[in-house]
Amino acid sequence: MQPLVESEVRAVLGNAEAAELEQLSLPVKFFVTEWAHLDAFAWRDPRIASRGYLVTELGGEPAGIVLRSAERTGSRHRAAVCNLCHTHQPGDQVTLFSARRSGAAGARGDSVGTYICGDLACQETVRLGRPPAPSEVMPSAHELERIEGLARRTRAFVADVLGASG
């Protein structure tokens, strides 16, 4: 992913309202991010707990959306799966996030929802593979498939919300 600055992040949030852009807070990790190693950047707003943001690239250009989390999470006694990174976790660590569609559809109240890791750390989660064997230099094919799958599903979700082709 290409490096972004705060003003660019605000500009690419295609489903954001003016008030949401004014209230947007970046996490500390934004300023030390190694962009070349990411396919997307997502975070929960440090000041507004129910809000999150997801920025990726569509057609080589940055594109992003504002997310809202559901108030209740699942039970920690049940398993759940994140629809982006496909990681199995306790139910209380996966949250239903919705995103208002952009344009006229969003103005009518249309939205899209999916279950995502509650901390929005999917990019880090898929890269936390097993420790490599002493002779391994590159990640295994399975780890690369997980990373590529996450990137593909993230782009598709953002494109769906924005009404774009991913």
Protein backbone atom coordinates (compact mmCIF):
# COMPACT_ATOMS: atom_id res chain seq x y z
CA MET A 1 0.00 0.00 0.00
CA GLN A 2 1.25 3.49 -0.76
CA PRO A 3 2.06 5.71 2.25
CA LEU A 4 -0.68 8.11 3.29
CA VAL A 5 -0.82 11.27 5.37
CA GLU A 6 -3.77 12.38 7.50
CA SER A 7 -5.24 14.73 4.89
CA GLU A 8 -5.22 11.92 2.31
CA VAL A 9 -6.98 9.55 4.69
CA ARG A 10 -9.72 12.11 5.28
CA ALA A 11 -10.07 12.67 1.52
CA VAL A 12 -10.49 8.99 0.60
CA LEU A 13 -13.22 8.06 3.11
CA GLY A 14 -15.95 7.79 0.48
CA ASN A 15 -18.91 7.23 2.79
CA ALA A 16 -17.99 9.78 5.48
CA GLU A 17 -20.13 12.73 6.45
CA ALA A 18 -18.51 16.10 7.19
CA ALA A 19 -19.00 15.68 10.96
CA GLU A 20 -17.33 12.25 10.88
CA LEU A 21 -14.32 13.69 9.06
CA GLU A 22 -14.02 16.47 11.65
CA GLN A 23 -14.14 13.95 14.51
CA LEU A 24 -11.70 11.45 12.95
CA SER A 25 -8.78 10.53 15.19
CA LEU A 26 -5.78 8.62 13.97
CA PRO A 27 -4.11 6.04 16.18
CA VAL A 28 -0.49 6.46 17.23
CA LYS A 29 0.46 3.46 15.06
CA PHE A 30 -0.53 5.48 11.96
CA PHE A 31 2.60 7.58 12.27
CA VAL A 32 4.97 4.59 12.43
CA THR A 33 3.25 2.33 9.90
CA GLU A 34 5.34 0.43 7.38
CA TRP A 35 2.94 0.92 4.48
CA ALA A 36 4.81 -1.31 2.03
CA HIS A 37 3.92 -4.36 4.13
CA LEU A 38 0.17 -3.68 4.24
CA ASP A 39 -2.75 -4.20 1.89
CA ALA A 40 -5.06 -2.12 4.10
CA PHE A 41 -4.98 0.03 7.20
CA ALA A 42 -7.82 -0.23 9.73
CA TRP A 43 -8.32 1.19 13.20
CA ARG A 44 -10.90 1.89 15.88
CA ASP A 45 -11.30 5.57 16.63
CA PRO A 46 -9.50 6.22 19.93
CA ARG A 47 -12.13 8.82 20.94
CA ILE A 48 -15.34 7.26 19.57
CA ALA A 49 -15.41 3.60 20.52
CA SER A 50 -18.21 2.61 18.14
CA ARG A 51 -16.42 3.97 15.07
CA GLY A 52 -13.76 2.39 12.92
CA TYR A 53 -12.08 3.13 9.62
CA LEU A 54 -10.80 0.91 6.81
CA VAL A 55 -8.51 2.18 4.04
CA THR A 56 -7.19 0.06 1.17
CA GLU A 57 -6.42 0.51 -2.51
CA LEU A 58 -8.89 0.06 -5.35
CA GLY A 59 -7.40 0.16 -8.82
CA GLY A 60 -4.10 1.41 -7.40
CA GLU A 61 -5.71 4.40 -5.65
CA PRO A 62 -6.48 4.71 -1.92
CA ALA A 63 -10.11 4.23 -0.94
CA GLY A 64 -11.65 4.05 2.50
CA ILE A 65 -14.82 3.74 4.50
CA VAL A 66 -16.17 4.64 7.93
CA LEU A 67 -17.42 1.67 9.97
CA ARG A 68 -19.82 1.49 12.92
CA SER A 69 -19.65 -1.39 15.35
CA ALA A 70 -22.66 -3.11 16.84
CA GLU A 71 -23.22 -2.46 20.53
CA ARG A 72 -23.24 -6.12 21.53
CA THR A 73 -20.63 -8.70 20.69
CA GLY A 74 -20.94 -12.47 20.70
CA SER A 75 -20.36 -14.75 23.63
CA ARG A 76 -16.82 -15.64 24.60
CA HIS A 77 -18.11 -19.19 25.02
CA ARG A 78 -18.78 -19.55 21.30
CA ALA A 79 -16.43 -19.40 18.36
CA ALA A 80 -16.71 -16.85 15.57
CA VAL A 81 -14.92 -16.20 12.30
CA CYS A 82 -13.85 -12.84 10.90
CA ASN A 83 -15.20 -12.48 7.36
CA LEU A 84 -12.09 -10.59 6.22
CA CYS A 85 -9.13 -12.53 7.63
CA HIS A 86 -10.99 -15.83 8.20
CA THR A 87 -9.48 -16.15 11.68
CA HIS A 88 -11.35 -18.30 14.23
CA GLN A 89 -11.68 -16.48 17.56
CA PRO A 90 -13.87 -16.36 20.65
CA GLY A 91 -17.21 -14.78 19.75
CA ASP A 92 -16.62 -11.67 21.83
CA GLN A 93 -13.56 -10.79 19.70
CA VAL A 94 -15.51 -10.62 16.43
CA THR A 95 -17.91 -7.70 15.95
CA LEU A 96 -20.59 -6.86 13.44
CA PHE A 97 -19.47 -3.71 11.64
CA SER A 98 -21.73 -1.81 9.27
CA ALA A 99 -20.86 0.85 6.74
CA ARG A 100 -23.27 3.31 5.20
CA ARG A 101 -23.14 3.06 1.41
CA SER A 102 -21.78 6.08 -0.39
CA GLY A 103 -23.85 8.37 -2.57
CA ALA A 104 -27.62 8.30 -2.98
CA ALA A 105 -27.91 4.79 -1.53
CA GLY A 106 -26.28 5.93 1.71
CA ALA A 107 -28.50 9.00 1.84
CA ARG A 108 -31.50 6.61 1.74
CA GLY A 109 -30.01 4.73 4.70
CA ASP A 110 -28.62 1.71 2.84
CA SER A 111 -25.69 0.02 4.54
CA VAL A 112 -23.55 -3.10 4.33
CA GLY A 113 -22.44 -5.15 7.31
CA THR A 114 -20.00 -7.94 8.01
CA TYR A 115 -18.30 -9.60 10.96
CA ILE A 116 -14.73 -8.36 11.48
CA CYS A 117 -12.11 -8.74 14.21
CA GLY A 118 -13.23 -6.32 16.94
CA ASP A 119 -9.82 -4.63 17.11
CA LEU A 120 -9.65 -4.32 13.28
CA ALA A 121 -6.19 -5.91 13.41
CA CYS A 122 -6.74 -8.36 10.54
CA GLN A 123 -3.59 -7.17 8.73
CA GLU A 124 -1.46 -8.10 11.72
CA THR A 125 -3.38 -11.29 12.50
CA VAL A 126 -2.78 -12.93 9.11
CA ARG A 127 0.89 -12.07 9.31
CA LEU A 128 1.31 -13.76 12.70
CA GLY A 129 2.07 -17.12 11.20
CA ARG A 130 3.84 -19.95 12.90
CA PRO A 131 7.54 -19.39 13.54
CA PRO A 132 9.56 -20.38 10.45
CA ALA A 133 11.69 -23.49 10.46
CA PRO A 134 15.44 -22.78 10.60
CA SER A 135 15.80 -23.32 6.85
CA GLU A 136 12.79 -21.17 5.86
CA VAL A 137 13.37 -17.67 4.57
CA MET A 138 10.00 -16.88 2.98
CA PRO A 139 6.53 -17.28 4.48
CA SER A 140 4.81 -20.55 3.62
CA ALA A 141 2.35 -20.78 0.74
CA HIS A 142 -0.50 -21.05 3.26
CA GLU A 143 0.50 -17.78 4.93
CA LEU A 144 0.75 -16.02 1.56
CA GLU A 145 -2.70 -17.34 0.60
CA ARG A 146 -4.16 -15.95 3.86
CA ILE A 147 -2.59 -12.54 3.19
CA GLU A 148 -3.82 -12.48 -0.43
CA GLY A 149 -7.29 -13.65 0.62
CA LEU A 150 -7.55 -10.90 3.22
CA ALA A 151 -6.50 -8.29 0.66
CA ARG A 152 -9.04 -9.56 -1.89
CA ARG A 153 -11.92 -9.69 0.62
CA THR A 154 -11.06 -6.26 2.05
CA ARG A 155 -11.01 -4.65 -1.40
CA ALA A 156 -14.33 -6.33 -2.27
CA PHE A 157 -16.00 -5.08 0.93
CA VAL A 158 -14.77 -1.51 0.47
CA ALA A 159 -15.75 -1.57 -3.22
CA ASP A 160 -19.23 -2.84 -2.30
CA VAL A 161 -19.75 0.00 0.19
CA LEU A 162 -18.47 2.60 -2.27
CA GLY A 163 -20.33 1.16 -5.26
CA ALA A 164 -17.03 0.76 -7.10
CA SER A 165 -15.46 -2.14 -8.92
CA GLY A 166 -12.67 -3.62 -6.81
